[in-house]
Amino acid sequence: MSSTTPEFIPDVQNNVDQRQILIDQVGIKQVKYPLKVADGAGHHLATVGEWTLTVQLPATKKGTHMSRFMALLSAYRQQAFSVAVLEDMATTMLDKLEANQGQLEVSFTYFINKTAPVSGIQSLLDYQVTLQAYASREDGVKILKKVVVPVMTLCPCSKEISEYGAHNQRSHITVTLDQDGELALNELIQALEIQGSSQLWSMLKRPDEKYVTEFSYNNPKFVEDLIRDVALQVQKLPQVNYYKIEVENFESIHNHSAYAMLEGRAP
């Protein structure tokens, strides 16, 4: 029989490694794959997820089975994505890779169809979402959810000291949650973005621009104001075990950002 038949192809990664060094994470990253995400209205949004999948490799094992990570993504490709699906993927990954611990991370762009405040025209605005799954045969699966929400902020000091006008800028609210249950993206994003001096829209007519300019002028916020207001909203969310909030103002009159961060746990 030929030495090229499957029966005689060696499985090198299953060899014993004599160096006896455990590897905490080994796998694949920056893998782009189609994703269908629920939009909160019974529909599914087609987007692209960027994945990192890794497992812990025992000190005695030479290598992991890299192709099995891609096979895992392929097996779940047709399913509508959810926290429950990610948990199932993490558990299945440990079985397929014969591992005791592993991590999955997926980042994707999420869109909400927003209506302009005066004209009523509609346009899509994009948000960045990341989900991380930490899987262990001993402790089960833990999910962290992160969303980045862009808003506008107007400086209270600039408004107070200027005879007219005030500087404003785009800001990012980043919230990371250890929260039980599914991810209600629309509700979470909308609760966060109204904390800015103004929301953002992709398309605005002149009456909308007038509204946004005047609304933000009457609602000035320092980076400290914004993060505290966001914290009050996050503390109202159900089943939150831990949260981390970051706010970054991309300053329009400085060549640096203003930044704030706070963390908290459920009482």
C-alpha atoms as a PDB file:
ATOM      1  CA  MET A   1       0.000   0.000   0.000  1.00  0.00           C
ATOM      2  CA  SER A   2       1.265   3.488  -0.859  1.00  0.00           C
ATOM      3  CA  SER A   3       2.703   5.582   1.964  1.00  0.00           C
ATOM      4  CA  THR A   4       0.527   8.488   0.770  1.00  0.00           C
ATOM      5  CA  THR A   5      -2.757   6.829   1.763  1.00  0.00           C
ATOM      6  CA  PRO A   6      -4.566   8.376   4.784  1.00  0.00           C
ATOM      7  CA  GLU A   7      -3.693   5.396   6.977  1.00  0.00           C
ATOM      8  CA  PHE A   8      -0.022   6.324   6.777  1.00  0.00           C
ATOM      9  CA  ILE A   9      -0.154  10.147   7.011  1.00  0.00           C
ATOM     10  CA  PRO A  10       1.387  11.053  10.387  1.00  0.00           C
ATOM     11  CA  ASP A  11      -0.497  13.313  12.831  1.00  0.00           C
ATOM     12  CA  VAL A  12       2.537  15.334  13.924  1.00  0.00           C
ATOM     13  CA  GLN A  13       0.738  17.670  16.329  1.00  0.00           C
ATOM     14  CA  ASN A  14      -0.295  14.700  18.442  1.00  0.00           C
ATOM     15  CA  ASN A  15       3.338  13.897  19.202  1.00  0.00           C
ATOM     16  CA  VAL A  16       4.616  14.310  22.742  1.00  0.00           C
ATOM     17  CA  ASP A  17       6.621  17.510  23.278  1.00  0.00           C
ATOM     18  CA  GLN A  18       9.698  16.995  25.440  1.00  0.00           C
ATOM     19  CA  ARG A  19      10.087  20.666  26.473  1.00  0.00           C
ATOM     20  CA  GLN A  20       7.177  20.375  28.938  1.00  0.00           C
ATOM     21  CA  ILE A  21       5.943  23.985  28.609  1.00  0.00           C
ATOM     22  CA  LEU A  22       2.208  24.697  28.750  1.00  0.00           C
ATOM     23  CA  ILE A  23       0.901  27.260  26.226  1.00  0.00           C
ATOM     24  CA  ASP A  24      -1.892  29.449  27.606  1.00  0.00           C
ATOM     25  CA  GLN A  25      -3.441  30.310  24.241  1.00  0.00           C
ATOM     26  CA  VAL A  26      -2.871  28.927  20.770  1.00  0.00           C
ATOM     27  CA  GLY A  27      -5.205  29.143  17.807  1.00  0.00           C
ATOM     28  CA  ILE A  28      -6.224  31.493  15.013  1.00  0.00           C
ATOM     29  CA  LYS A  29      -6.982  35.216  14.894  1.00  0.00           C
ATOM     30  CA  GLN A  30      -8.184  37.928  12.512  1.00  0.00           C
ATOM     31  CA  VAL A  31     -10.512  35.467  10.820  1.00  0.00           C
ATOM     32  CA  LYS A  32     -13.348  37.227   8.984  1.00  0.00           C
ATOM     33  CA  TYR A  33     -16.553  35.213   8.640  1.00  0.00           C
ATOM     34  CA  PRO A  34     -20.200  35.986   7.788  1.00  0.00           C
ATOM     35  CA  LEU A  35     -22.488  36.633  10.749  1.00  0.00           C
ATOM     36  CA  LYS A  36     -26.236  37.053  11.221  1.00  0.00           C
ATOM     37  CA  VAL A  37     -27.172  39.112  14.286  1.00  0.00           C
ATOM     38  CA  ALA A  38     -30.664  39.665  15.686  1.00  0.00           C
ATOM     39  CA  ASP A  39     -31.695  43.347  15.522  1.00  0.00           C
ATOM     40  CA  GLY A  40     -34.230  43.288  18.360  1.00  0.00           C
ATOM     41  CA  ALA A  41     -37.201  43.583  15.985  1.00  0.00           C
ATOM     42  CA  GLY A  42     -37.396  39.981  14.836  1.00  0.00           C
ATOM     43  CA  HIS A  43     -35.021  40.490  11.891  1.00  0.00           C
ATOM     44  CA  HIS A  44     -31.440  39.400  11.340  1.00  0.00           C
ATOM     45  CA  LEU A  45     -28.686  41.774  10.280  1.00  0.00           C
ATOM     46  CA  ALA A  46     -26.047  40.433   7.909  1.00  0.00           C
ATOM     47  CA  THR A  47     -22.578  41.562   8.950  1.00  0.00           C
ATOM     48  CA  VAL A  48     -19.026  40.237   9.138  1.00  0.00           C
ATOM     49  CA  GLY A  49     -17.425  38.989  12.330  1.00  0.00           C
ATOM     50  CA  GLU A  50     -13.690  39.092  13.000  1.00  0.00           C
ATOM     51  CA  TRP A  51     -12.829  36.091  15.159  1.00  0.00           C
ATOM     52  CA  THR A  52     -10.061  34.960  17.470  1.00  0.00           C
ATOM     53  CA  LEU A  53     -10.288  31.353  18.676  1.00  0.00           C
ATOM     54  CA  THR A  54      -7.709  29.849  21.034  1.00  0.00           C
ATOM     55  CA  VAL A  55      -7.292  26.975  23.465  1.00  0.00           C
ATOM     56  CA  GLN A  56      -4.834  26.053  26.182  1.00  0.00           C
ATOM     57  CA  LEU A  57      -2.279  23.484  25.016  1.00  0.00           C
ATOM     58  CA  PRO A  58      -0.928  20.959  27.557  1.00  0.00           C
ATOM     59  CA  ALA A  59       2.812  20.851  28.157  1.00  0.00           C
ATOM     60  CA  THR A  60       3.016  17.303  26.779  1.00  0.00           C
ATOM     61  CA  LYS A  61       1.320  18.019  23.429  1.00  0.00           C
ATOM     62  CA  LYS A  62       3.291  19.306  20.433  1.00  0.00           C
ATOM     63  CA  GLY A  63       0.514  21.190  18.648  1.00  0.00           C
ATOM     64  CA  THR A  64      -3.198  21.873  18.339  1.00  0.00           C
ATOM     65  CA  HIS A  65      -5.511  21.099  15.414  1.00  0.00           C
ATOM     66  CA  MET A  66      -5.768  24.484  13.664  1.00  0.00           C
ATOM     67  CA  SER A  67      -8.214  23.302  10.994  1.00  0.00           C
ATOM     68  CA  ARG A  68     -10.760  22.407  13.677  1.00  0.00           C
ATOM     69  CA  PHE A  69     -11.197  26.085  14.572  1.00  0.00           C
ATOM     70  CA  MET A  70     -12.293  26.846  11.026  1.00  0.00           C
ATOM     71  CA  ALA A  71     -14.505  23.773  10.999  1.00  0.00           C
ATOM     72  CA  LEU A  72     -16.185  25.104  14.131  1.00  0.00           C
ATOM     73  CA  LEU A  73     -16.958  28.453  12.449  1.00  0.00           C
ATOM     74  CA  SER A  74     -18.283  26.655   9.400  1.00  0.00           C
ATOM     75  CA  ALA A  75     -20.564  24.433  11.483  1.00  0.00           C
ATOM     76  CA  TYR A  76     -22.267  27.470  13.078  1.00  0.00           C
ATOM     77  CA  ARG A  77     -22.324  29.688   9.992  1.00  0.00           C
ATOM     78  CA  GLN A  78     -26.050  29.332   9.254  1.00  0.00           C
ATOM     79  CA  GLN A  79     -27.211  29.958  12.832  1.00  0.00           C
ATOM     80  CA  ALA A  80     -28.495  33.342  13.943  1.00  0.00           C
ATOM     81  CA  PHE A  81     -25.857  34.618  16.337  1.00  0.00           C
ATOM     82  CA  SER A  82     -26.673  35.034  20.028  1.00  0.00           C
ATOM     83  CA  VAL A  83     -25.059  34.725  23.454  1.00  0.00           C
ATOM     84  CA  ALA A  84     -26.492  31.211  23.746  1.00  0.00           C
ATOM     85  CA  VAL A  85     -24.908  30.244  20.406  1.00  0.00           C
ATOM     86  CA  LEU A  86     -21.525  31.649  21.510  1.00  0.00           C
ATOM     87  CA  GLU A  87     -21.719  29.649  24.747  1.00  0.00           C
ATOM     88  CA  ASP A  88     -22.483  26.500  22.762  1.00  0.00           C
ATOM     89  CA  MET A  89     -19.598  27.221  20.382  1.00  0.00           C
ATOM     90  CA  ALA A  90     -17.199  27.626  23.302  1.00  0.00           C
ATOM     91  CA  THR A  91     -18.230  24.307  24.846  1.00  0.00           C
ATOM     92  CA  THR A  92     -18.030  22.534  21.488  1.00  0.00           C
ATOM     93  CA  MET A  93     -14.587  24.026  20.855  1.00  0.00           C
ATOM     94  CA  LEU A  94     -13.201  22.440  24.016  1.00  0.00           C
ATOM     95  CA  ASP A  95     -14.523  19.067  22.895  1.00  0.00           C
ATOM     96  CA  LYS A  96     -13.264  19.355  19.303  1.00  0.00           C
ATOM     97  CA  LEU A  97      -9.818  20.587  20.349  1.00  0.00           C
ATOM     98  CA  GLU A  98      -9.588  18.221  23.336  1.00  0.00           C
ATOM     99  CA  ALA A  99      -8.790  21.206  25.583  1.00  0.00           C
ATOM    100  CA  ASN A 100      -9.539  22.116  29.184  1.00  0.00           C
ATOM    101  CA  GLN A 101      -9.700  25.878  28.588  1.00  0.00           C
ATOM    102  CA  GLY A 102     -10.321  28.123  25.620  1.00  0.00           C
ATOM    103  CA  GLN A 103     -11.362  31.601  24.472  1.00  0.00           C
ATOM    104  CA  LEU A 104     -13.458  32.937  21.620  1.00  0.00           C
ATOM    105  CA  GLU A 105     -13.726  36.592  20.637  1.00  0.00           C
ATOM    106  CA  VAL A 106     -15.812  38.060  17.848  1.00  0.00           C
ATOM    107  CA  SER A 107     -16.050  41.726  16.843  1.00  0.00           C
ATOM    108  CA  PHE A 108     -18.552  43.011  14.338  1.00  0.00           C
ATOM    109  CA  THR A 109     -20.215  46.159  13.060  1.00  0.00           C
ATOM    110  CA  TYR A 110     -23.833  46.568  14.125  1.00  0.00           C
ATOM    111  CA  PHE A 111     -26.204  49.003  12.393  1.00  0.00           C
ATOM    112  CA  ILE A 112     -29.275  50.820  13.678  1.00  0.00           C
ATOM    113  CA  ASN A 113     -31.684  52.608  11.353  1.00  0.00           C
ATOM    114  CA  LYS A 114     -32.042  56.062  12.920  1.00  0.00           C
ATOM    115  CA  THR A 115     -34.571  58.800  12.227  1.00  0.00           C
ATOM    116  CA  ALA A 116     -33.333  62.401  12.065  1.00  0.00           C
ATOM    117  CA  PRO A 117     -34.846  64.588  14.815  1.00  0.00           C
ATOM    118  CA  VAL A 118     -36.652  67.154  12.606  1.00  0.00           C
ATOM    119  CA  SER A 119     -36.802  66.063   8.956  1.00  0.00           C
ATOM    120  CA  GLY A 120     -37.512  62.425   9.809  1.00  0.00           C
ATOM    121  CA  ILE A 121     -35.152  61.073   7.147  1.00  0.00           C
ATOM    122  CA  GLN A 122     -33.701  57.673   7.980  1.00  0.00           C
ATOM    123  CA  SER A 123     -30.123  56.446   7.762  1.00  0.00           C
ATOM    124  CA  LEU A 124     -27.971  53.687   9.194  1.00  0.00           C
ATOM    125  CA  LEU A 125     -25.461  54.411  11.948  1.00  0.00           C
ATOM    126  CA  ASP A 126     -22.718  51.904  12.770  1.00  0.00           C
ATOM    127  CA  TYR A 127     -21.592  50.684  16.192  1.00  0.00           C
ATOM    128  CA  GLN A 128     -18.774  48.312  17.144  1.00  0.00           C
ATOM    129  CA  VAL A 129     -19.636  45.257  19.231  1.00  0.00           C
ATOM    130  CA  THR A 130     -17.313  42.635  20.736  1.00  0.00           C
ATOM    131  CA  LEU A 131     -18.230  39.435  22.562  1.00  0.00           C
ATOM    132  CA  GLN A 132     -15.681  37.360  24.455  1.00  0.00           C
ATOM    133  CA  ALA A 133     -16.274  33.825  25.727  1.00  0.00           C
ATOM    134  CA  TYR A 134     -14.001  32.260  28.350  1.00  0.00           C
ATOM    135  CA  ALA A 135     -14.584  28.502  28.511  1.00  0.00           C
ATOM    136  CA  SER A 136     -13.396  26.045  31.128  1.00  0.00           C
ATOM    137  CA  ARG A 137     -14.373  22.446  31.757  1.00  0.00           C
ATOM    138  CA  GLU A 138     -14.266  23.215  35.473  1.00  0.00           C
ATOM    139  CA  ASP A 139     -16.056  26.583  35.579  1.00  0.00           C
ATOM    140  CA  GLY A 140     -18.229  26.576  32.435  1.00  0.00           C
ATOM    141  CA  VAL A 141     -18.510  29.566  30.067  1.00  0.00           C
ATOM    142  CA  LYS A 142     -18.319  33.260  30.968  1.00  0.00           C
ATOM    143  CA  ILE A 143     -19.352  35.906  28.420  1.00  0.00           C
ATOM    144  CA  LEU A 144     -18.197  39.534  28.327  1.00  0.00           C
ATOM    145  CA  LYS A 145     -20.063  41.974  26.078  1.00  0.00           C
ATOM    146  CA  LYS A 146     -18.547  45.229  24.819  1.00  0.00           C
ATOM    147  CA  VAL A 147     -20.114  47.987  22.746  1.00  0.00           C
ATOM    148  CA  VAL A 148     -18.623  51.250  21.451  1.00  0.00           C
ATOM    149  CA  VAL A 149     -21.186  54.043  21.040  1.00  0.00           C
ATOM    150  CA  PRO A 150     -20.237  57.343  19.346  1.00  0.00           C
ATOM    151  CA  VAL A 151     -21.827  60.572  20.628  1.00  0.00           C
ATOM    152  CA  MET A 152     -21.195  64.317  20.564  1.00  0.00           C
ATOM    153  CA  THR A 153     -20.063  66.306  23.604  1.00  0.00           C
ATOM    154  CA  LEU A 154     -19.912  70.073  24.125  1.00  0.00           C
ATOM    155  CA  CYS A 155     -17.521  71.604  26.652  1.00  0.00           C
ATOM    156  CA  PRO A 156     -19.223  73.373  29.613  1.00  0.00           C
ATOM    157  CA  CYS A 157     -16.108  75.473  30.306  1.00  0.00           C
ATOM    158  CA  SER A 158     -15.872  76.659  26.700  1.00  0.00           C
ATOM    159  CA  LYS A 159     -19.533  77.646  26.775  1.00  0.00           C
ATOM    160  CA  GLU A 160     -19.176  79.487  30.075  1.00  0.00           C
ATOM    161  CA  ILE A 161     -16.138  81.592  29.201  1.00  0.00           C
ATOM    162  CA  SER A 162     -16.936  82.402  25.568  1.00  0.00           C
ATOM    163  CA  GLU A 163     -19.071  85.284  24.427  1.00  0.00           C
ATOM    164  CA  TYR A 164     -20.551  83.047  21.744  1.00  0.00           C
ATOM    165  CA  GLY A 165     -20.173  79.408  20.717  1.00  0.00           C
ATOM    166  CA  ALA A 166     -18.434  76.507  22.443  1.00  0.00           C
ATOM    167  CA  HIS A 167     -16.105  73.793  21.207  1.00  0.00           C
ATOM    168  CA  ASN A 168     -17.513  70.332  20.718  1.00  0.00           C
ATOM    169  CA  GLN A 169     -16.225  66.985  19.558  1.00  0.00           C
ATOM    170  CA  ARG A 170     -17.103  63.396  18.847  1.00  0.00           C
ATOM    171  CA  SER A 171     -16.758  61.037  21.800  1.00  0.00           C
ATOM    172  CA  HIS A 172     -16.770  57.276  22.252  1.00  0.00           C
ATOM    173  CA  ILE A 173     -18.593  55.538  25.092  1.00  0.00           C
ATOM    174  CA  THR A 174     -17.216  52.027  25.582  1.00  0.00           C
ATOM    175  CA  VAL A 175     -19.090  49.728  27.943  1.00  0.00           C
ATOM    176  CA  THR A 176     -17.982  46.206  28.856  1.00  0.00           C
ATOM    177  CA  LEU A 177     -20.499  44.050  30.706  1.00  0.00           C
ATOM    178  CA  ASP A 178     -20.516  40.760  32.537  1.00  0.00           C
ATOM    179  CA  GLN A 179     -24.275  40.352  32.240  1.00  0.00           C
ATOM    180  CA  ASP A 180     -26.434  37.256  32.436  1.00  0.00           C
ATOM    181  CA  GLY A 181     -28.873  36.648  29.600  1.00  0.00           C
ATOM    182  CA  GLU A 182     -29.015  37.677  25.966  1.00  0.00           C
ATOM    183  CA  LEU A 183     -27.594  40.833  24.428  1.00  0.00           C
ATOM    184  CA  ALA A 184     -30.280  43.437  23.737  1.00  0.00           C
ATOM    185  CA  LEU A 185     -28.134  45.628  21.498  1.00  0.00           C
ATOM    186  CA  ASN A 186     -30.718  48.181  20.395  1.00  0.00           C
ATOM    187  CA  GLU A 187     -31.880  48.914  23.923  1.00  0.00           C
ATOM    188  CA  LEU A 188     -28.340  49.121  25.320  1.00  0.00           C
ATOM    189  CA  ILE A 189     -27.046  51.402  22.568  1.00  0.00           C
ATOM    190  CA  GLN A 190     -30.025  53.737  22.760  1.00  0.00           C
ATOM    191  CA  ALA A 191     -29.724  53.994  26.550  1.00  0.00           C
ATOM    192  CA  LEU A 192     -26.060  54.985  26.210  1.00  0.00           C
ATOM    193  CA  GLU A 193     -26.133  57.406  23.296  1.00  0.00           C
ATOM    194  CA  ILE A 194     -28.751  59.699  24.823  1.00  0.00           C
ATOM    195  CA  GLN A 195     -26.253  60.451  27.607  1.00  0.00           C
ATOM    196  CA  GLY A 196     -24.088  62.557  25.282  1.00  0.00           C
ATOM    197  CA  SER A 197     -24.581  66.249  24.646  1.00  0.00           C
ATOM    198  CA  SER A 198     -26.226  64.986  21.457  1.00  0.00           C
ATOM    199  CA  GLN A 199     -26.680  61.752  19.557  1.00  0.00           C
ATOM    200  CA  LEU A 200     -25.126  61.237  16.125  1.00  0.00           C
ATOM    201  CA  TRP A 201     -26.891  60.558  12.834  1.00  0.00           C
ATOM    202  CA  SER A 202     -25.419  59.528   9.488  1.00  0.00           C
ATOM    203  CA  MET A 203     -27.672  61.873   7.498  1.00  0.00           C
ATOM    204  CA  LEU A 204     -29.051  65.253   8.561  1.00  0.00           C
ATOM    205  CA  LYS A 205     -30.852  68.050   6.725  1.00  0.00           C
ATOM    206  CA  ARG A 206     -30.331  71.701   7.638  1.00  0.00           C
ATOM    207  CA  PRO A 207     -33.232  71.792  10.144  1.00  0.00           C
ATOM    208  CA  ASP A 208     -31.700  68.714  11.800  1.00  0.00           C
ATOM    209  CA  GLU A 209     -28.280  70.358  11.988  1.00  0.00           C
ATOM    210  CA  LYS A 210     -29.834  73.403  13.633  1.00  0.00           C
ATOM    211  CA  TYR A 211     -31.562  71.141  16.154  1.00  0.00           C
ATOM    212  CA  VAL A 212     -28.395  69.178  16.971  1.00  0.00           C
ATOM    213  CA  THR A 213     -26.300  72.334  17.335  1.00  0.00           C
ATOM    214  CA  GLU A 214     -28.767  73.999  19.682  1.00  0.00           C
ATOM    215  CA  PHE A 215     -29.567  70.810  21.614  1.00  0.00           C
ATOM    216  CA  SER A 216     -25.912  70.106  22.362  1.00  0.00           C
ATOM    217  CA  TYR A 217     -25.313  73.770  23.298  1.00  0.00           C
ATOM    218  CA  ASN A 218     -28.034  73.444  25.940  1.00  0.00           C
ATOM    219  CA  ASN A 219     -26.647  70.106  27.154  1.00  0.00           C
ATOM    220  CA  PRO A 220     -22.901  70.616  27.779  1.00  0.00           C
ATOM    221  CA  LYS A 221     -20.924  67.797  29.406  1.00  0.00           C
ATOM    222  CA  PHE A 222     -17.363  67.236  30.549  1.00  0.00           C
ATOM    223  CA  VAL A 223     -15.929  63.749  30.090  1.00  0.00           C
ATOM    224  CA  GLU A 224     -16.558  63.340  33.847  1.00  0.00           C
ATOM    225  CA  ASP A 225     -20.231  64.273  33.432  1.00  0.00           C
ATOM    226  CA  LEU A 226     -20.711  61.846  30.590  1.00  0.00           C
ATOM    227  CA  ILE A 227     -19.159  58.839  32.317  1.00  0.00           C
ATOM    228  CA  ARG A 228     -21.181  59.420  35.484  1.00  0.00           C
ATOM    229  CA  ASP A 229     -24.420  59.689  33.521  1.00  0.00           C
ATOM    230  CA  VAL A 230     -23.560  56.497  31.643  1.00  0.00           C
ATOM    231  CA  ALA A 231     -22.797  54.737  34.938  1.00  0.00           C
ATOM    232  CA  LEU A 232     -26.248  55.616  36.281  1.00  0.00           C
ATOM    233  CA  GLN A 233     -27.820  53.996  33.220  1.00  0.00           C
ATOM    234  CA  VAL A 234     -25.631  50.899  33.357  1.00  0.00           C
ATOM    235  CA  GLN A 235     -26.461  50.394  37.033  1.00  0.00           C
ATOM    236  CA  LYS A 236     -30.134  50.127  36.034  1.00  0.00           C
ATOM    237  CA  LEU A 237     -29.502  47.269  33.577  1.00  0.00           C
ATOM    238  CA  PRO A 238     -30.769  43.847  34.683  1.00  0.00           C
ATOM    239  CA  GLN A 239     -28.512  40.960  35.701  1.00  0.00           C
ATOM    240  CA  VAL A 240     -25.236  42.903  35.522  1.00  0.00           C
ATOM    241  CA  ASN A 241     -22.474  41.306  37.602  1.00  0.00           C
ATOM    242  CA  TYR A 242     -19.656  43.646  36.571  1.00  0.00           C
ATOM    243  CA  TYR A 243     -19.209  46.662  34.302  1.00  0.00           C
ATOM    244  CA  LYS A 244     -16.369  48.755  32.952  1.00  0.00           C
ATOM    245  CA  ILE A 245     -17.073  52.118  31.353  1.00  0.00           C
ATOM    246  CA  GLU A 246     -14.632  54.181  29.312  1.00  0.00           C
ATOM    247  CA  VAL A 247     -15.248  57.566  27.704  1.00  0.00           C
ATOM    248  CA  GLU A 248     -12.867  59.231  25.280  1.00  0.00           C
ATOM    249  CA  ASN A 249     -13.387  62.745  23.927  1.00  0.00           C
ATOM    250  CA  PHE A 250     -11.469  63.378  20.698  1.00  0.00           C
ATOM    251  CA  GLU A 251     -10.795  67.005  21.569  1.00  0.00           C
ATOM    252  CA  SER A 252     -11.290  69.549  18.804  1.00  0.00           C
ATOM    253  CA  ILE A 253      -9.039  72.253  20.326  1.00  0.00           C
ATOM    254  CA  HIS A 254      -6.260  69.933  21.572  1.00  0.00           C
ATOM    255  CA  ASN A 255      -4.062  67.350  19.921  1.00  0.00           C
ATOM    256  CA  HIS A 256      -4.963  64.816  22.604  1.00  0.00           C
ATOM    257  CA  SER A 257      -8.049  63.111  24.005  1.00  0.00           C
ATOM    258  CA  ALA A 258      -9.799  63.539  27.332  1.00  0.00           C
ATOM    259  CA  TYR A 259     -10.389  60.155  28.962  1.00  0.00           C
ATOM    260  CA  ALA A 260     -12.229  58.658  31.928  1.00  0.00           C
ATOM    261  CA  MET A 261     -12.759  55.084  33.178  1.00  0.00           C
ATOM    262  CA  LEU A 262     -14.659  53.507  36.031  1.00  0.00           C
ATOM    263  CA  GLU A 263     -15.576  49.973  37.054  1.00  0.00           C
ATOM    264  CA  GLY A 264     -18.290  48.570  39.267  1.00  0.00           C
ATOM    265  CA  ARG A 265     -19.958  45.391  40.457  1.00  0.00           C
ATOM    266  CA  ALA A 266     -23.516  44.474  41.257  1.00  0.00           C
ATOM    267  CA  PRO A 267     -24.374  45.163  44.922  1.00  0.00           C
END
